[in-house]
Amino acid sequence: MNISLLSGPGVHIQLLNILGNTGDAALLLTRDSLDTLRNQRNRADYDLTDTTVETEANAMIRVKEAFNVIAELNRCRLDTPRFAAVTTATRVWVKKLRGIP
């Protein structure tokens, strides 16, 4: 997709917004998976009363989810026409997001 994310605390949301606006259905699902992974991590880090995120079964689900995210991003990168379309859409969206004409 060839874009640089701006640094700061909102970088996760920035990436989710970008992936959600590529026009690629599989990357939209990937965005949802990343959001779930982030939410689960936040629950584990900050909601100490929620022990459901600490189970081995939950950990295995999250590892598989992370693997699937990486695999989908790799599939996109290796599919030249798809990657070109996603890159174009991403650049358009990032310009809009950042207020660049």
Foldseek 3Di string as FASTA:
>chain_A
DPDDFDDDPCSLVVVLVLLCFLPDPVSPVLSVLSVVLVVLVCCVVPVVVDCPSVDPVNVVVNVVSVVSSVVVVVVQVVPVVSVVSSVVRSVVVVCVVVVHD
